Amino acid sequence: MAEKAAPSLDLTLSILRAAAEETRLRILALLIEGELSVSDLTDILGQSQPRISRHLKLLVEAGLVERHREGAWAFFRLTDRSAAMRILRPMLEGLDRSDPQLLDDQTRLAAVRGQRAQAALAFFSRLAPEWDRLRTLHAPEAVVEAAVVDALGQKPVRNLLDLGTGTGRMLQLLAPRASRVVGLDASHAMLSVARANLEKAGLTRIELRQGDIYAPPFPRDTFDLVVVHQVLHYLDDPARALREAARLLAPGGRILIVDFAPHNLEFLREAQAHRRLGFAPEQMTAWLEEAGLDCALTKNIAPPKKGEDQLTVSLWIGQDRRIVSDWPLAETNKEVA
């Protein structure tokens, strides 16, 4: 592998100038712990919103910080630009964390995250009874998650996207195997839940974005793994969502879909806003074909007991056909007891 070019003198000077101010350095030291909003930084640093916004504007213009919208909120995180990070990250990691000012900042950061976790818990608790009822109808989450890990195999993941990330559970499960991890959801409330869950799990470098699954805000050919976990049954047009997901795949990339097999539980339409009552293998295969993907895997996970009121969870993998993978395709049509 070719050695990366060292940052230029001009870049190094611009980075040092941007960081060489107390408040901006404190902001950078906080953002290395994960993304934060203007409101978060205002609470932590005890400064006015206009002042914090001015400092953030300078850091964004210097290419050290990235900004993204989430409804009426704006979140900020350290840039992914490798050249800037080669200078910035060692400097931030080398700061004396026993410094009284930095200690105070960390204490307030923990308080902000605690408030976020409480708000997320209150939101989630309102949904939990219905979700708990649904979970009793299909295989335990641990069984489904083990099947997900098994289906993906040992192939390394560089850039991972979870569409409709919800509580962020798939991000927690798969983040350790990926270099870059992004979660997208249309709901600010659900992103707040995901953010709190990821922080609790110690996963602070995951990107969370608010956006439409029909128009995901990412360039073509960006991700080598896209996950669509228990999302398609909420959509009016699942095929369109899969076509958009396929557009984001790098050559040879994969889409992992987890959803339900066909069922007759009509109450899920009213109780949990399900638009589709499961998906047949031939339907999913046809949609993947339309999206330019080969169906590399179909796997069914049987419910815990027999009966028409039970749900079978299905897994599919769609593979981009622009490059023949060096990895063997998984065996199709497995049944997990």
C-alpha atoms as a PDB file:
ATOM      1  CA  MET A   1       0.000   0.000   0.000  1.00  0.00           C
ATOM      2  CA  ALA A   2       1.373   3.402  -0.967  1.00  0.00           C
ATOM      3  CA  GLU A   3       2.317   5.674   1.902  1.00  0.00           C
ATOM      4  CA  LYS A   4      -0.021   8.625   2.341  1.00  0.00           C
ATOM      5  CA  ALA A   5       1.427  12.014   1.481  1.00  0.00           C
ATOM      6  CA  ALA A   6       2.346  14.173   4.473  1.00  0.00           C
ATOM      7  CA  PRO A   7       0.126  17.229   5.048  1.00  0.00           C
ATOM      8  CA  SER A   8       1.415  20.326   3.281  1.00  0.00           C
ATOM      9  CA  LEU A   9       2.874  23.281   5.138  1.00  0.00           C
ATOM     10  CA  ASP A  10      -0.135  25.446   4.226  1.00  0.00           C
ATOM     11  CA  LEU A  11      -2.603  22.844   5.488  1.00  0.00           C
ATOM     12  CA  THR A  12      -0.669  22.365   8.705  1.00  0.00           C
ATOM     13  CA  LEU A  13      -0.572  26.113   9.360  1.00  0.00           C
ATOM     14  CA  SER A  14      -4.314  26.523   8.657  1.00  0.00           C
ATOM     15  CA  ILE A  15      -5.154  23.690  11.058  1.00  0.00           C
ATOM     16  CA  LEU A  16      -2.963  25.106  13.803  1.00  0.00           C
ATOM     17  CA  ARG A  17      -4.352  28.631  13.345  1.00  0.00           C
ATOM     18  CA  ALA A  18      -7.949  27.370  13.529  1.00  0.00           C
ATOM     19  CA  ALA A  19      -7.272  25.365  16.700  1.00  0.00           C
ATOM     20  CA  ALA A  20      -5.108  28.003  18.412  1.00  0.00           C
ATOM     21  CA  GLU A  21      -7.889  29.603  20.464  1.00  0.00           C
ATOM     22  CA  GLU A  22      -9.129  28.364  23.835  1.00  0.00           C
ATOM     23  CA  THR A  23     -12.812  27.920  23.057  1.00  0.00           C
ATOM     24  CA  ARG A  24     -12.165  26.326  19.662  1.00  0.00           C
ATOM     25  CA  LEU A  25      -9.641  23.926  21.180  1.00  0.00           C
ATOM     26  CA  ARG A  26     -12.151  22.999  23.882  1.00  0.00           C
ATOM     27  CA  ILE A  27     -14.791  22.405  21.182  1.00  0.00           C
ATOM     28  CA  LEU A  28     -12.419  20.132  19.262  1.00  0.00           C
ATOM     29  CA  ALA A  29     -11.557  18.237  22.459  1.00  0.00           C
ATOM     30  CA  LEU A  30     -15.276  17.622  22.999  1.00  0.00           C
ATOM     31  CA  LEU A  31     -15.987  16.610  19.403  1.00  0.00           C
ATOM     32  CA  ILE A  32     -13.341  13.898  19.524  1.00  0.00           C
ATOM     33  CA  GLU A  33     -15.786  12.203  21.930  1.00  0.00           C
ATOM     34  CA  GLY A  34     -18.580  12.284  19.336  1.00  0.00           C
ATOM     35  CA  GLU A  35     -20.929  14.651  17.515  1.00  0.00           C
ATOM     36  CA  LEU A  36     -22.688  17.432  19.439  1.00  0.00           C
ATOM     37  CA  SER A  37     -25.267  20.108  18.700  1.00  0.00           C
ATOM     38  CA  VAL A  38     -24.871  23.859  19.155  1.00  0.00           C
ATOM     39  CA  SER A  39     -27.192  23.585  22.161  1.00  0.00           C
ATOM     40  CA  ASP A  40     -25.003  20.844  23.672  1.00  0.00           C
ATOM     41  CA  LEU A  41     -21.868  22.950  23.273  1.00  0.00           C
ATOM     42  CA  THR A  42     -23.593  26.032  24.674  1.00  0.00           C
ATOM     43  CA  ASP A  43     -24.572  24.108  27.815  1.00  0.00           C
ATOM     44  CA  ILE A  44     -21.146  22.523  28.229  1.00  0.00           C
ATOM     45  CA  LEU A  45     -19.005  25.581  27.587  1.00  0.00           C
ATOM     46  CA  GLY A  46     -21.283  28.093  29.293  1.00  0.00           C
ATOM     47  CA  GLN A  47     -21.097  30.550  26.405  1.00  0.00           C
ATOM     48  CA  SER A  48     -23.746  32.218  24.260  1.00  0.00           C
ATOM     49  CA  GLN A  49     -25.102  30.493  21.192  1.00  0.00           C
ATOM     50  CA  PRO A  50     -23.896  33.243  18.799  1.00  0.00           C
ATOM     51  CA  ARG A  51     -20.372  32.943  20.180  1.00  0.00           C
ATOM     52  CA  ILE A  52     -20.339  29.153  19.891  1.00  0.00           C
ATOM     53  CA  SER A  53     -21.778  29.385  16.384  1.00  0.00           C
ATOM     54  CA  ARG A  54     -19.036  31.781  15.299  1.00  0.00           C
ATOM     55  CA  HIS A  55     -16.324  29.428  16.541  1.00  0.00           C
ATOM     56  CA  LEU A  56     -17.983  26.472  14.822  1.00  0.00           C
ATOM     57  CA  LYS A  57     -18.220  28.435  11.574  1.00  0.00           C
ATOM     58  CA  LEU A  58     -14.458  29.045  11.665  1.00  0.00           C
ATOM     59  CA  LEU A  59     -13.757  25.376  12.366  1.00  0.00           C
ATOM     60  CA  VAL A  60     -16.031  24.285   9.504  1.00  0.00           C
ATOM     61  CA  GLU A  61     -14.393  26.761   7.119  1.00  0.00           C
ATOM     62  CA  ALA A  62     -10.978  25.438   8.154  1.00  0.00           C
ATOM     63  CA  GLY A  63     -12.087  21.902   7.245  1.00  0.00           C
ATOM     64  CA  LEU A  64     -11.702  20.563  10.795  1.00  0.00           C
ATOM     65  CA  VAL A  65     -15.389  20.118  11.601  1.00  0.00           C
ATOM     66  CA  GLU A  66     -18.380  18.948   9.556  1.00  0.00           C
ATOM     67  CA  ARG A  67     -21.933  20.213  10.010  1.00  0.00           C
ATOM     68  CA  HIS A  68     -25.152  18.394   9.201  1.00  0.00           C
ATOM     69  CA  ARG A  69     -28.814  19.198   9.710  1.00  0.00           C
ATOM     70  CA  GLU A  70     -31.274  17.104  11.678  1.00  0.00           C
ATOM     71  CA  GLY A  71     -34.614  18.841  11.379  1.00  0.00           C
ATOM     72  CA  ALA A  72     -34.324  22.179  13.178  1.00  0.00           C
ATOM     73  CA  TRP A  73     -31.083  21.031  14.828  1.00  0.00           C
ATOM     74  CA  ALA A  74     -27.510  21.205  13.576  1.00  0.00           C
ATOM     75  CA  PHE A  75     -24.923  18.661  14.677  1.00  0.00           C
ATOM     76  CA  PHE A  76     -21.160  18.957  14.391  1.00  0.00           C
ATOM     77  CA  ARG A  77     -18.426  16.316  14.271  1.00  0.00           C
ATOM     78  CA  LEU A  78     -14.718  16.132  13.509  1.00  0.00           C
ATOM     79  CA  THR A  79     -13.961  15.919   9.816  1.00  0.00           C
ATOM     80  CA  ASP A  80     -13.144  12.639   8.098  1.00  0.00           C
ATOM     81  CA  ARG A  81     -10.480  14.329   5.960  1.00  0.00           C
ATOM     82  CA  SER A  82      -7.464  12.090   6.537  1.00  0.00           C
ATOM     83  CA  ALA A  83      -4.846  14.816   6.040  1.00  0.00           C
ATOM     84  CA  ALA A  84      -6.423  17.083   8.657  1.00  0.00           C
ATOM     85  CA  MET A  85      -6.959  14.194  11.056  1.00  0.00           C
ATOM     86  CA  ARG A  86      -3.311  13.137  10.831  1.00  0.00           C
ATOM     87  CA  ILE A  87      -2.446  16.459  12.446  1.00  0.00           C
ATOM     88  CA  LEU A  88      -5.500  17.104  14.586  1.00  0.00           C
ATOM     89  CA  ARG A  89      -6.273  13.765  16.240  1.00  0.00           C
ATOM     90  CA  PRO A  90      -2.815  13.157  17.831  1.00  0.00           C
ATOM     91  CA  MET A  91      -2.872  16.725  19.146  1.00  0.00           C
ATOM     92  CA  LEU A  92      -6.297  16.283  20.732  1.00  0.00           C
ATOM     93  CA  GLU A  93      -5.518  12.835  22.106  1.00  0.00           C
ATOM     94  CA  GLY A  94      -2.326  14.240  23.633  1.00  0.00           C
ATOM     95  CA  LEU A  95      -4.121  16.902  25.684  1.00  0.00           C
ATOM     96  CA  ASP A  96      -3.816  16.615  29.454  1.00  0.00           C
ATOM     97  CA  ARG A  97      -7.254  15.379  30.447  1.00  0.00           C
ATOM     98  CA  SER A  98      -6.537  16.218  34.091  1.00  0.00           C
ATOM     99  CA  ASP A  99      -6.523  19.913  33.193  1.00  0.00           C
ATOM    100  CA  PRO A 100      -9.257  21.533  35.364  1.00  0.00           C
ATOM    101  CA  GLN A 101     -10.961  23.195  32.401  1.00  0.00           C
ATOM    102  CA  LEU A 102     -11.052  20.011  30.337  1.00  0.00           C
ATOM    103  CA  LEU A 103     -12.250  18.055  33.370  1.00  0.00           C
ATOM    104  CA  ASP A 104     -15.133  20.489  33.828  1.00  0.00           C
ATOM    105  CA  ASP A 105     -15.993  20.158  30.136  1.00  0.00           C
ATOM    106  CA  GLN A 106     -16.028  16.366  30.393  1.00  0.00           C
ATOM    107  CA  THR A 107     -18.243  16.503  33.477  1.00  0.00           C
ATOM    108  CA  ARG A 108     -20.752  18.727  31.698  1.00  0.00           C
ATOM    109  CA  LEU A 109     -20.558  16.501  28.608  1.00  0.00           C
ATOM    110  CA  ALA A 110     -21.521  13.523  30.776  1.00  0.00           C
ATOM    111  CA  ALA A 111     -24.462  15.516  32.159  1.00  0.00           C
ATOM    112  CA  VAL A 112     -25.649  16.463  28.656  1.00  0.00           C
ATOM    113  CA  ARG A 113     -25.457  12.835  27.577  1.00  0.00           C
ATOM    114  CA  GLY A 114     -27.341  11.800  30.708  1.00  0.00           C
ATOM    115  CA  GLN A 115     -30.172  14.208  29.884  1.00  0.00           C
ATOM    116  CA  ARG A 116     -30.215  12.887  26.311  1.00  0.00           C
ATOM    117  CA  ALA A 117     -30.438   9.320  27.566  1.00  0.00           C
ATOM    118  CA  GLN A 118     -33.343  10.180  29.859  1.00  0.00           C
ATOM    119  CA  ALA A 119     -35.251  11.862  27.034  1.00  0.00           C
ATOM    120  CA  ALA A 120     -34.622   8.891  24.758  1.00  0.00           C
ATOM    121  CA  LEU A 121     -35.763   6.489  27.475  1.00  0.00           C
ATOM    122  CA  ALA A 122     -39.008   8.421  27.946  1.00  0.00           C
ATOM    123  CA  PHE A 123     -39.701   8.324  24.198  1.00  0.00           C
ATOM    124  CA  PHE A 124     -38.832   4.643  23.889  1.00  0.00           C
ATOM    125  CA  SER A 125     -40.937   3.673  26.915  1.00  0.00           C
ATOM    126  CA  ARG A 126     -44.055   4.942  25.113  1.00  0.00           C
ATOM    127  CA  LEU A 127     -43.352   2.594  22.209  1.00  0.00           C
ATOM    128  CA  ALA A 128     -42.043  -0.360  24.183  1.00  0.00           C
ATOM    129  CA  PRO A 129     -45.363  -2.120  24.958  1.00  0.00           C
ATOM    130  CA  GLU A 130     -46.245  -2.526  21.269  1.00  0.00           C
ATOM    131  CA  TRP A 131     -42.695  -3.495  20.333  1.00  0.00           C
ATOM    132  CA  ASP A 132     -42.592  -6.024  23.173  1.00  0.00           C
ATOM    133  CA  ARG A 133     -45.791  -7.592  21.842  1.00  0.00           C
ATOM    134  CA  LEU A 134     -44.279  -7.863  18.351  1.00  0.00           C
ATOM    135  CA  ARG A 135     -41.096  -9.497  19.682  1.00  0.00           C
ATOM    136  CA  THR A 136     -43.127 -12.319  21.254  1.00  0.00           C
ATOM    137  CA  LEU A 137     -44.331 -13.296  17.770  1.00  0.00           C
ATOM    138  CA  HIS A 138     -40.956 -14.079  16.206  1.00  0.00           C
ATOM    139  CA  ALA A 139     -37.560 -15.558  17.034  1.00  0.00           C
ATOM    140  CA  PRO A 140     -35.582 -13.823  19.801  1.00  0.00           C
ATOM    141  CA  GLU A 141     -33.468 -10.853  18.733  1.00  0.00           C
ATOM    142  CA  ALA A 142     -30.314 -12.714  19.728  1.00  0.00           C
ATOM    143  CA  VAL A 143     -31.135 -15.483  17.238  1.00  0.00           C
ATOM    144  CA  VAL A 144     -31.852 -12.971  14.465  1.00  0.00           C
ATOM    145  CA  GLU A 145     -28.656 -11.045  15.187  1.00  0.00           C
ATOM    146  CA  ALA A 146     -26.584 -14.227  15.156  1.00  0.00           C
ATOM    147  CA  ALA A 147     -28.096 -15.066  11.771  1.00  0.00           C
ATOM    148  CA  VAL A 148     -27.192 -11.572  10.506  1.00  0.00           C
ATOM    149  CA  VAL A 149     -23.569 -11.989  11.569  1.00  0.00           C
ATOM    150  CA  ASP A 150     -23.437 -15.463  10.029  1.00  0.00           C
ATOM    151  CA  ALA A 151     -24.989 -14.253   6.758  1.00  0.00           C
ATOM    152  CA  LEU A 152     -22.417 -11.485   6.360  1.00  0.00           C
ATOM    153  CA  GLY A 153     -19.505 -13.856   6.954  1.00  0.00           C
ATOM    154  CA  GLN A 154     -15.955 -12.631   7.468  1.00  0.00           C
ATOM    155  CA  LYS A 155     -15.736 -10.287   4.495  1.00  0.00           C
ATOM    156  CA  PRO A 156     -14.313  -6.968   5.740  1.00  0.00           C
ATOM    157  CA  VAL A 157     -16.499  -3.852   5.619  1.00  0.00           C
ATOM    158  CA  ARG A 158     -15.068  -0.436   4.864  1.00  0.00           C
ATOM    159  CA  ASN A 159     -18.157   1.790   4.691  1.00  0.00           C
ATOM    160  CA  LEU A 160     -21.438   0.682   6.271  1.00  0.00           C
ATOM    161  CA  LEU A 161     -24.839   2.376   6.030  1.00  0.00           C
ATOM    162  CA  ASP A 162     -27.899   1.416   8.101  1.00  0.00           C
ATOM    163  CA  LEU A 163     -31.063   2.739   6.439  1.00  0.00           C
ATOM    164  CA  GLY A 164     -33.914   3.357   8.878  1.00  0.00           C
ATOM    165  CA  THR A 165     -31.559   2.838  11.788  1.00  0.00           C
ATOM    166  CA  GLY A 166     -34.261   3.252  14.459  1.00  0.00           C
ATOM    167  CA  THR A 167     -32.755   2.558  17.883  1.00  0.00           C
ATOM    168  CA  GLY A 168     -29.321   1.966  16.323  1.00  0.00           C
ATOM    169  CA  ARG A 169     -29.161  -1.711  17.246  1.00  0.00           C
ATOM    170  CA  MET A 170     -27.704  -2.807  13.895  1.00  0.00           C
ATOM    171  CA  LEU A 171     -25.049  -0.111  14.245  1.00  0.00           C
ATOM    172  CA  GLN A 172     -24.083  -1.492  17.645  1.00  0.00           C
ATOM    173  CA  LEU A 173     -23.934  -5.014  16.245  1.00  0.00           C
ATOM    174  CA  LEU A 174     -21.941  -4.288  13.090  1.00  0.00           C
ATOM    175  CA  ALA A 175     -19.875  -1.172  13.871  1.00  0.00           C
ATOM    176  CA  PRO A 176     -16.851  -3.124  15.178  1.00  0.00           C
ATOM    177  CA  ARG A 177     -16.306  -4.680  11.750  1.00  0.00           C
ATOM    178  CA  ALA A 178     -16.465  -1.449   9.697  1.00  0.00           C
ATOM    179  CA  SER A 179     -14.142   1.513   9.162  1.00  0.00           C
ATOM    180  CA  ARG A 180     -16.910   4.079   8.628  1.00  0.00           C
ATOM    181  CA  VAL A 181     -20.420   3.604  10.009  1.00  0.00           C
ATOM    182  CA  VAL A 182     -23.457   5.746   9.177  1.00  0.00           C
ATOM    183  CA  GLY A 183     -27.066   5.500  10.344  1.00  0.00           C
ATOM    184  CA  LEU A 184     -29.948   7.238   8.512  1.00  0.00           C
ATOM    185  CA  ASP A 185     -33.467   7.754   9.835  1.00  0.00           C
ATOM    186  CA  ALA A 186     -36.310  10.125   8.982  1.00  0.00           C
ATOM    187  CA  SER A 187     -37.253  10.610  12.652  1.00  0.00           C
ATOM    188  CA  HIS A 188     -35.352  13.048  14.848  1.00  0.00           C
ATOM    189  CA  ALA A 189     -36.849  11.319  17.901  1.00  0.00           C
ATOM    190  CA  MET A 190     -35.536   7.913  16.804  1.00  0.00           C
ATOM    191  CA  LEU A 191     -32.122   9.385  16.055  1.00  0.00           C
ATOM    192  CA  SER A 192     -32.088  10.736  19.614  1.00  0.00           C
ATOM    193  CA  VAL A 193     -32.744   7.212  20.877  1.00  0.00           C
ATOM    194  CA  ALA A 194     -30.003   5.815  18.639  1.00  0.00           C
ATOM    195  CA  ARG A 195     -27.556   8.519  19.724  1.00  0.00           C
ATOM    196  CA  ALA A 196     -28.190   7.779  23.406  1.00  0.00           C
ATOM    197  CA  ASN A 197     -27.855   4.013  22.865  1.00  0.00           C
ATOM    198  CA  LEU A 198     -24.600   4.368  20.926  1.00  0.00           C
ATOM    199  CA  GLU A 199     -23.109   6.698  23.527  1.00  0.00           C
ATOM    200  CA  LYS A 200     -24.046   4.230  26.270  1.00  0.00           C
ATOM    201  CA  ALA A 201     -22.282   1.498  24.282  1.00  0.00           C
ATOM    202  CA  GLY A 202     -19.173   3.662  23.922  1.00  0.00           C
ATOM    203  CA  LEU A 203     -19.601   4.025  20.148  1.00  0.00           C
ATOM    204  CA  THR A 204     -19.036   7.750  19.654  1.00  0.00           C
ATOM    205  CA  ARG A 205     -17.593   7.891  16.131  1.00  0.00           C
ATOM    206  CA  ILE A 206     -20.700   6.702  14.329  1.00  0.00           C
ATOM    207  CA  GLU A 207     -22.399   9.221  12.031  1.00  0.00           C
ATOM    208  CA  LEU A 208     -26.140   9.699  12.417  1.00  0.00           C
ATOM    209  CA  ARG A 209     -28.075  11.532   9.711  1.00  0.00           C
ATOM    210  CA  GLN A 210     -31.699  12.546   9.290  1.00  0.00           C
ATOM    211  CA  GLY A 211     -32.979  11.856   5.809  1.00  0.00           C
ATOM    212  CA  ASP A 212     -35.470  10.190   3.499  1.00  0.00           C
ATOM    213  CA  ILE A 213     -34.895   6.546   2.608  1.00  0.00           C
ATOM    214  CA  TYR A 214     -36.266   7.357  -0.864  1.00  0.00           C
ATOM    215  CA  ALA A 215     -33.606  10.055  -1.330  1.00  0.00           C
ATOM    216  CA  PRO A 216     -30.634   9.175   0.896  1.00  0.00           C
ATOM    217  CA  PRO A 217     -28.178  12.100   0.974  1.00  0.00           C
ATOM    218  CA  PHE A 218     -25.055  10.208  -0.048  1.00  0.00           C
ATOM    219  CA  PRO A 219     -23.077   9.971  -3.297  1.00  0.00           C
ATOM    220  CA  ARG A 220     -23.368   7.003  -5.620  1.00  0.00           C
ATOM    221  CA  ASP A 221     -20.950   4.082  -5.040  1.00  0.00           C
ATOM    222  CA  THR A 222     -20.209   5.072  -1.419  1.00  0.00           C
ATOM    223  CA  PHE A 223     -20.907   1.995   0.739  1.00  0.00           C
ATOM    224  CA  ASP A 224     -19.866  -1.632   0.463  1.00  0.00           C
ATOM    225  CA  LEU A 225     -22.588  -2.739   2.916  1.00  0.00           C
ATOM    226  CA  VAL A 226     -26.091  -1.276   3.249  1.00  0.00           C
ATOM    227  CA  VAL A 227     -28.397  -2.681   5.934  1.00  0.00           C
ATOM    228  CA  VAL A 228     -32.205  -2.413   5.719  1.00  0.00           C
ATOM    229  CA  HIS A 229     -33.399  -3.983   8.965  1.00  0.00           C
ATOM    230  CA  GLN A 230     -37.159  -4.249   9.635  1.00  0.00           C
ATOM    231  CA  VAL A 231     -37.899  -1.161   7.541  1.00  0.00           C
ATOM    232  CA  LEU A 232     -39.469  -2.235   4.244  1.00  0.00           C
ATOM    233  CA  HIS A 233     -42.801  -3.298   5.774  1.00  0.00           C
ATOM    234  CA  TYR A 234     -43.403   0.358   6.772  1.00  0.00           C
ATOM    235  CA  LEU A 235     -43.013   1.636   3.199  1.00  0.00           C
ATOM    236  CA  ASP A 236     -45.535   2.218   0.425  1.00  0.00           C
ATOM    237  CA  ASP A 237     -42.864   1.563  -2.217  1.00  0.00           C
ATOM    238  CA  PRO A 238     -40.202  -0.879  -0.956  1.00  0.00           C
ATOM    239  CA  ALA A 239     -38.867  -1.477  -4.477  1.00  0.00           C
ATOM    240  CA  ARG A 240     -38.017   2.211  -4.872  1.00  0.00           C
ATOM    241  CA  ALA A 241     -36.182   2.195  -1.528  1.00  0.00           C
ATOM    242  CA  LEU A 242     -34.119  -0.799  -2.665  1.00  0.00           C
ATOM    243  CA  ARG A 243     -33.231   0.892  -5.943  1.00  0.00           C
ATOM    244  CA  GLU A 244     -31.997   3.929  -4.014  1.00  0.00           C
ATOM    245  CA  ALA A 245     -30.025   1.692  -1.665  1.00  0.00           C
ATOM    246  CA  ALA A 246     -28.447  -0.136  -4.618  1.00  0.00           C
ATOM    247  CA  ARG A 247     -27.372   3.196  -6.100  1.00  0.00           C
ATOM    248  CA  LEU A 248     -25.242   3.760  -2.997  1.00  0.00           C
ATOM    249  CA  LEU A 249     -23.370   0.465  -3.313  1.00  0.00           C
ATOM    250  CA  ALA A 250     -19.739   0.431  -4.358  1.00  0.00           C
ATOM    251  CA  PRO A 251     -18.853  -2.175  -7.006  1.00  0.00           C
ATOM    252  CA  GLY A 252     -19.215  -5.607  -5.446  1.00  0.00           C
ATOM    253  CA  GLY A 253     -21.091  -4.203  -2.446  1.00  0.00           C
ATOM    254  CA  ARG A 254     -23.976  -5.884  -0.652  1.00  0.00           C
ATOM    255  CA  ILE A 255     -27.410  -5.018   0.724  1.00  0.00           C
ATOM    256  CA  LEU A 256     -28.576  -6.967   3.769  1.00  0.00           C
ATOM    257  CA  ILE A 257     -32.368  -6.985   4.188  1.00  0.00           C
ATOM    258  CA  VAL A 258     -34.108  -8.261   7.321  1.00  0.00           C
ATOM    259  CA  ASP A 259     -37.899  -8.353   7.337  1.00  0.00           C
ATOM    260  CA  PHE A 260     -40.860 -10.699   7.694  1.00  0.00           C
ATOM    261  CA  ALA A 261     -42.019 -13.513   5.457  1.00  0.00           C
ATOM    262  CA  PRO A 262     -45.653 -13.240   4.242  1.00  0.00           C
ATOM    263  CA  HIS A 263     -48.205 -13.402   7.090  1.00  0.00           C
ATOM    264  CA  ASN A 264     -51.838 -12.562   7.860  1.00  0.00           C
ATOM    265  CA  LEU A 265     -51.528 -10.499  11.052  1.00  0.00           C
ATOM    266  CA  GLU A 266     -53.737  -7.608   9.978  1.00  0.00           C
ATOM    267  CA  PHE A 267     -53.642  -5.983  13.416  1.00  0.00           C
ATOM    268  CA  LEU A 268     -50.063  -4.860  12.663  1.00  0.00           C
ATOM    269  CA  ARG A 269     -51.403  -2.390  10.104  1.00  0.00           C
ATOM    270  CA  GLU A 270     -53.282  -0.397  12.748  1.00  0.00           C
ATOM    271  CA  ALA A 271     -51.252  -1.186  15.851  1.00  0.00           C
ATOM    272  CA  GLN A 272     -47.805  -0.565  14.344  1.00  0.00           C
ATOM    273  CA  ALA A 273     -48.379   1.132  10.986  1.00  0.00           C
ATOM    274  CA  HIS A 274     -47.176  -1.815   8.892  1.00  0.00           C
ATOM    275  CA  ARG A 275     -47.927  -1.158   5.230  1.00  0.00           C
ATOM    276  CA  ARG A 276     -46.865  -4.603   3.992  1.00  0.00           C
ATOM    277  CA  LEU A 277     -47.605  -7.970   5.591  1.00  0.00           C
ATOM    278  CA  GLY A 278     -44.276  -9.557   4.786  1.00  0.00           C
ATOM    279  CA  PHE A 279     -42.445 -10.354   1.570  1.00  0.00           C
ATOM    280  CA  ALA A 280     -42.258 -13.521  -0.495  1.00  0.00           C
ATOM    281  CA  PRO A 281     -38.816 -14.697  -1.707  1.00  0.00           C
ATOM    282  CA  GLU A 282     -39.788 -14.332  -5.364  1.00  0.00           C
ATOM    283  CA  GLN A 283     -40.968 -10.759  -4.760  1.00  0.00           C
ATOM    284  CA  MET A 284     -37.727  -9.754  -3.022  1.00  0.00           C
ATOM    285  CA  THR A 285     -35.618 -11.470  -5.672  1.00  0.00           C
ATOM    286  CA  ALA A 286     -37.480  -9.586  -8.420  1.00  0.00           C
ATOM    287  CA  TRP A 287     -36.962  -6.251  -6.652  1.00  0.00           C
ATOM    288  CA  LEU A 288     -33.251  -6.951  -6.219  1.00  0.00           C
ATOM    289  CA  GLU A 289     -33.000  -7.855  -9.907  1.00  0.00           C
ATOM    290  CA  GLU A 290     -34.711  -4.568 -10.835  1.00  0.00           C
ATOM    291  CA  ALA A 291     -32.141  -2.770  -8.678  1.00  0.00           C
ATOM    292  CA  GLY A 292     -29.291  -4.432 -10.569  1.00  0.00           C
ATOM    293  CA  LEU A 293     -28.403  -6.887  -7.809  1.00  0.00           C
ATOM    294  CA  ASP A 294     -28.134 -10.655  -7.596  1.00  0.00           C
ATOM    295  CA  CYS A 295     -29.958 -12.365  -4.736  1.00  0.00           C
ATOM    296  CA  ALA A 296     -27.028 -14.069  -3.028  1.00  0.00           C
ATOM    297  CA  LEU A 297     -28.873 -15.305   0.053  1.00  0.00           C
ATOM    298  CA  THR A 298     -32.352 -16.118   1.276  1.00  0.00           C
ATOM    299  CA  LYS A 299     -32.647 -17.386   4.849  1.00  0.00           C
ATOM    300  CA  ASN A 300     -35.739 -17.961   6.994  1.00  0.00           C
ATOM    301  CA  ILE A 301     -35.707 -17.902  10.788  1.00  0.00           C
ATOM    302  CA  ALA A 302     -38.599 -19.905  12.198  1.00  0.00           C
ATOM    303  CA  PRO A 303     -40.802 -18.442  14.978  1.00  0.00           C
ATOM    304  CA  PRO A 304     -40.500 -19.814  18.520  1.00  0.00           C
ATOM    305  CA  LYS A 305     -43.715 -21.816  18.243  1.00  0.00           C
ATOM    306  CA  LYS A 306     -46.147 -23.054  15.635  1.00  0.00           C
ATOM    307  CA  GLY A 307     -49.294 -21.133  14.772  1.00  0.00           C
ATOM    308  CA  GLU A 308     -50.808 -18.646  12.358  1.00  0.00           C
ATOM    309  CA  ASP A 309     -50.208 -15.821  14.837  1.00  0.00           C
ATOM    310  CA  GLN A 310     -46.425 -16.236  14.550  1.00  0.00           C
ATOM    311  CA  LEU A 311     -43.957 -14.424  12.322  1.00  0.00           C
ATOM    312  CA  THR A 312     -41.077 -15.841  10.293  1.00  0.00           C
ATOM    313  CA  VAL A 313     -38.117 -13.494   9.956  1.00  0.00           C
ATOM    314  CA  SER A 314     -36.420 -13.545   6.546  1.00  0.00           C
ATOM    315  CA  LEU A 315     -32.921 -12.423   5.550  1.00  0.00           C
ATOM    316  CA  TRP A 316     -31.839 -11.575   2.025  1.00  0.00           C
ATOM    317  CA  ILE A 317     -28.529 -10.405   0.620  1.00  0.00           C
ATOM    318  CA  GLY A 318     -28.418  -8.540  -2.667  1.00  0.00           C
ATOM    319  CA  GLN A 319     -24.988  -8.348  -4.294  1.00  0.00           C
ATOM    320  CA  ASP A 320     -23.784  -5.759  -6.763  1.00  0.00           C
ATOM    321  CA  ARG A 321     -22.823  -7.606  -9.925  1.00  0.00           C
ATOM    322  CA  ARG A 322     -20.256  -5.160 -11.304  1.00  0.00           C
ATOM    323  CA  ILE A 323     -17.431  -7.172  -9.717  1.00  0.00           C
ATOM    324  CA  VAL A 324     -17.410 -10.932  -9.191  1.00  0.00           C
ATOM    325  CA  SER A 325     -16.740 -11.308  -5.481  1.00  0.00           C
ATOM    326  CA  ASP A 326     -13.773 -13.348  -4.337  1.00  0.00           C
ATOM    327  CA  TRP A 327     -15.955 -14.506  -1.465  1.00  0.00           C
ATOM    328  CA  PRO A 328     -18.265 -17.481  -1.976  1.00  0.00           C
ATOM    329  CA  LEU A 329     -21.969 -16.713  -1.994  1.00  0.00           C
ATOM    330  CA  ALA A 330     -23.846 -18.027   1.008  1.00  0.00           C
ATOM    331  CA  GLU A 331     -25.932 -21.123   0.618  1.00  0.00           C
ATOM    332  CA  THR A 332     -29.539 -20.179  -0.177  1.00  0.00           C
ATOM    333  CA  ASN A 333     -32.845 -21.102   1.391  1.00  0.00           C
ATOM    334  CA  LYS A 334     -31.605 -22.144   4.818  1.00  0.00           C
ATOM    335  CA  GLU A 335     -34.078 -22.703   7.629  1.00  0.00           C
ATOM    336  CA  VAL A 336     -33.021 -21.808  11.171  1.00  0.00           C
ATOM    337  CA  ALA A 337     -34.925 -23.665  13.811  1.00  0.00           C
END
